[in-house]
Protein backbone atom coordinates (compact mmCIF):
# COMPACT_ATOMS: atom_id res chain seq x y z
CA MET A 1 -7.50 -7.86 -3.57
CA GLN A 2 -6.79 -11.62 -3.44
CA TRP A 3 -8.13 -11.85 0.11
CA ALA A 4 -11.26 -9.94 -0.96
CA LEU A 5 -11.91 -12.53 -3.67
CA ALA A 6 -11.08 -15.46 -1.40
CA ARG A 7 -13.50 -14.13 1.23
CA GLY A 8 -16.23 -13.77 -1.40
CA GLU A 9 -16.55 -9.99 -1.11
CA SER A 10 -18.59 -8.33 -3.86
CA ILE A 11 -16.94 -4.88 -3.94
CA THR A 12 -13.35 -3.69 -3.92
CA GLY A 13 -11.62 -0.51 -4.99
CA VAL A 14 -8.61 1.71 -5.19
CA THR A 15 -7.58 4.58 -2.93
CA THR A 16 -5.02 7.35 -2.95
CA MET A 17 -3.84 8.44 0.48
CA ARG A 18 -1.21 10.43 2.28
CA ILE A 19 1.73 8.58 3.73
CA ASP A 20 2.22 8.76 7.48
CA ALA A 21 4.14 6.76 10.09
CA GLY A 22 1.70 3.82 10.05
CA LEU A 23 1.04 1.20 7.39
CA ASP A 24 -1.85 2.35 5.15
CA THR A 25 -3.10 4.66 7.88
CA GLY A 26 -2.80 8.07 6.22
CA ASP A 27 -5.63 10.39 5.28
CA ILE A 28 -7.67 9.37 2.22
CA LEU A 29 -7.42 11.70 -0.74
CA LEU A 30 -9.72 9.94 -3.26
CA ALA A 31 -11.28 6.49 -3.51
CA ARG A 32 -13.22 4.52 -6.11
CA GLU A 33 -15.16 1.27 -5.70
CA THR A 34 -15.95 -1.40 -8.27
CA PRO A 35 -18.06 -4.54 -8.13
CA ILE A 36 -16.29 -7.89 -8.31
CA SER A 37 -17.85 -10.08 -10.98
CA PRO A 38 -18.91 -13.55 -9.77
CA GLY A 39 -16.44 -15.43 -12.02
CA GLU A 40 -13.60 -12.90 -11.95
CA THR A 41 -10.15 -14.14 -10.93
CA ALA A 42 -7.45 -12.23 -9.07
CA ILE A 43 -5.54 -11.76 -12.33
CA GLU A 44 -8.56 -10.27 -14.12
CA LEU A 45 -9.51 -8.07 -11.17
CA GLY A 46 -5.90 -6.94 -10.74
CA ALA A 47 -5.78 -5.76 -14.36
CA ARG A 48 -8.98 -3.74 -13.90
CA LEU A 49 -7.77 -2.24 -10.62
CA ALA A 50 -4.43 -1.26 -12.19
CA ILE A 51 -6.25 0.84 -14.79
CA MET A 52 -8.57 2.32 -12.17
CA GLY A 53 -5.60 3.10 -9.90
CA ALA A 54 -3.65 4.84 -12.67
CA ASP A 55 -6.66 6.98 -13.58
CA LEU A 56 -7.29 7.78 -9.91
CA LEU A 57 -3.66 8.80 -9.40
CA VAL A 58 -3.85 11.28 -12.28
CA GLU A 59 -7.14 12.63 -10.92
CA THR A 60 -5.60 12.94 -7.44
CA LEU A 61 -2.52 14.81 -8.68
CA ASP A 62 -4.68 17.17 -10.74
CA GLY A 63 -6.99 17.73 -7.76
CA LEU A 64 -4.10 18.39 -5.38
CA SER A 65 -2.46 20.91 -7.72
CA ALA A 66 -5.83 22.68 -8.16
CA GLY A 67 -6.43 22.67 -4.39
CA GLY A 68 -9.72 20.82 -4.78
CA ILE A 69 -9.02 17.76 -2.63
CA VAL A 70 -9.74 17.77 1.09
CA PRO A 71 -8.06 14.83 2.87
CA ARG A 72 -10.32 12.84 5.20
CA LYS A 73 -9.42 10.61 8.11
CA GLN A 74 -9.82 6.86 7.66
CA ASP A 75 -12.37 4.95 9.70
CA HIS A 76 -10.00 2.34 11.14
CA ALA A 77 -12.98 0.33 12.43
CA GLN A 78 -13.81 -0.42 8.77
CA ALA A 79 -10.30 -1.70 7.97
CA THR A 80 -9.85 -5.36 7.07
CA LEU A 81 -6.69 -7.38 7.45
CA ALA A 82 -5.07 -8.65 4.26
CA PRO A 83 -1.99 -10.56 5.42
CA ILE A 84 0.80 -11.60 3.09
CA LEU A 85 -0.15 -14.82 1.33
CA ARG A 86 1.77 -17.97 2.25
CA LYS A 87 1.92 -21.22 0.27
CA GLU A 88 -0.11 -23.05 2.91
CA ASP A 89 -2.99 -20.56 2.48
CA GLY A 90 -3.76 -22.33 -0.81
CA VAL A 91 -4.56 -25.73 0.75
CA ILE A 92 -8.18 -26.59 -0.05
CA ASP A 93 -10.33 -27.65 2.90
CA TRP A 94 -13.10 -29.71 1.29
CA HIS A 95 -15.16 -29.42 4.50
CA LEU A 96 -15.90 -25.80 3.54
CA PRO A 97 -18.97 -25.05 1.41
CA ALA A 98 -18.32 -25.18 -2.36
CA SER A 99 -18.79 -21.40 -2.64
CA GLU A 100 -15.88 -20.81 -0.24
CA VAL A 101 -13.64 -23.28 -2.07
CA TYR A 102 -14.59 -21.60 -5.37
CA ASN A 103 -13.68 -18.17 -4.00
CA LYS A 104 -10.31 -19.49 -2.87
CA VAL A 105 -9.66 -20.97 -6.33
CA ARG A 106 -10.37 -17.68 -8.13
CA GLY A 107 -8.80 -15.46 -5.48
CA PHE A 108 -5.49 -17.25 -5.10
CA VAL A 109 -4.37 -17.26 -8.75
CA PRO A 110 -1.56 -17.14 -9.57
CA TRP A 111 -0.11 -17.31 -6.03
CA PRO A 112 -0.33 -19.37 -3.89
CA GLY A 113 -2.91 -21.21 -5.95
CA ALA A 114 -5.57 -23.57 -4.62
CA TYR A 115 -4.34 -27.12 -4.27
CA THR A 116 -5.00 -30.53 -2.77
CA ARG A 117 -3.74 -34.11 -3.22
CA PHE A 118 -4.84 -36.76 -5.68
CA ARG A 119 -3.39 -40.27 -5.35
CA GLY A 120 -0.43 -38.94 -3.39
CA GLU A 121 0.41 -36.18 -5.87
CA GLY A 122 -0.20 -32.46 -5.62
CA LEU A 123 -3.20 -31.29 -7.64
CA HIS A 124 -3.57 -27.59 -8.43
CA VAL A 125 -7.17 -26.51 -9.10
CA TRP A 126 -7.06 -23.64 -11.61
CA ARG A 127 -10.76 -23.28 -12.36
CA GLY A 128 -13.95 -24.62 -10.88
CA ALA A 129 -17.66 -23.88 -10.58
CA VAL A 130 -20.21 -24.26 -7.83
CA VAL A 131 -22.93 -26.67 -8.94
CA ALA A 132 -26.48 -27.15 -7.74
CA GLU A 133 -26.42 -30.94 -7.50
CA SER A 134 -24.61 -32.81 -4.75
CA SER A 135 -21.70 -34.90 -5.99
CA SER A 136 -22.11 -37.95 -3.76
CA ALA A 137 -23.02 -39.20 -0.35
CA GLY A 138 -19.30 -39.57 0.38
CA PRO A 139 -17.20 -37.44 2.67
CA PRO A 140 -15.92 -33.99 1.68
CA GLY A 141 -13.33 -34.36 -1.07
CA SER A 142 -15.07 -37.37 -2.65
CA LEU A 143 -14.87 -37.38 -6.45
CA SER A 144 -17.75 -38.25 -8.72
CA VAL A 145 -17.46 -38.45 -12.51
CA ARG A 146 -20.67 -37.73 -14.39
CA GLU A 147 -20.55 -37.62 -18.19
CA ARG A 148 -16.93 -36.36 -18.27
CA ARG A 149 -17.65 -33.87 -15.47
CA VAL A 150 -15.74 -34.19 -12.21
CA LEU A 151 -17.63 -33.11 -9.10
CA VAL A 152 -16.10 -32.85 -5.63
CA ALA A 153 -18.20 -33.17 -2.48
CA CYS A 154 -17.77 -30.14 -0.24
CA GLY A 155 -19.10 -29.17 3.16
CA GLY A 156 -22.78 -28.65 3.79
CA GLY A 157 -23.83 -31.04 1.01
CA THR A 158 -22.50 -28.70 -1.69
CA SER A 159 -20.36 -29.57 -4.73
CA LEU A 160 -17.61 -28.00 -6.80
CA GLU A 161 -17.14 -28.95 -10.44
CA LEU A 162 -13.49 -29.09 -11.45
CA LEU A 163 -12.91 -27.34 -14.80
CA GLU A 164 -9.13 -26.99 -15.10
CA VAL A 165 -6.46 -28.77 -13.05
CA GLN A 166 -2.74 -29.51 -12.99
CA LEU A 167 -0.98 -32.47 -11.42
CA GLU A 168 2.45 -31.56 -10.06
CA GLY A 169 5.13 -31.83 -12.73
CA ARG A 170 2.57 -31.86 -15.54
CA LYS A 171 0.86 -29.24 -17.66
CA ARG A 172 -2.37 -27.47 -16.86
CA VAL A 173 -5.33 -29.23 -18.56
CA ALA A 174 -9.10 -29.08 -18.92
CA VAL A 175 -10.78 -31.62 -16.69
CA GLU A 176 -11.82 -33.68 -19.73
CA ALA A 177 -8.14 -34.37 -20.48
CA PHE A 178 -7.55 -35.13 -16.81
CA VAL A 179 -10.38 -37.70 -16.81
CA ASN A 180 -9.09 -39.22 -20.07
CA GLY A 181 -5.61 -39.63 -18.57
CA ARG A 182 -6.73 -41.02 -15.20
CA ARG A 183 -9.26 -43.69 -14.41
CA ILE A 184 -11.06 -42.10 -11.52
CA GLY A 185 -12.60 -44.70 -9.26
CA HIS A 186 -15.95 -44.39 -7.53
CA ASN A 187 -15.67 -42.01 -4.57
CA GLU A 188 -11.93 -41.47 -4.67
CA VAL A 189 -11.15 -38.72 -2.18
CA LEU A 190 -9.01 -35.63 -2.63
CA GLY A 191 -6.89 -34.99 0.44
CA GLU A 192 -5.04 -32.15 2.05
CA MET A 193 -1.37 -31.49 1.43
CA THR A 194 0.90 -32.76 4.18
């Protein structure tokens, strides 16, 4: 689910399947799909999928006891890899287009989170938004403050607006509070974690 959001996929779902010797390779019993809303986070999507999965499990058990479910083989060519998330997966690469950074931010909550560096400190980006205007002529990661808005230059001339952030060791805040607490200089650059 988190990888689906991080990759910008528009549909996900839940499946009941038989267990066999492989990992998630058994016959499919029932499956349901659902669209992923453009602003939905992994936490919000996970809550919806939990309800869908519980309902599907009851439907599957009822169908199996009534003899109405015919298992079908999976199409392994359609399978996608969803590896276990590692902390380093959350590092933001500002050279990517803003839409890809945005998908990482919403897909990797709460773990591993999407993060970068600001003035030598870790900066967790909790919420952001892709914006139409370009933030600056600076390199990817360049910050631009416009009327209490903080825009970050991303790859391909795109920009991400920061909405909620958290410096390491501090509390999570709206970007307005972040701007009030820090004097952001012209074209300061966010950098990768080392």
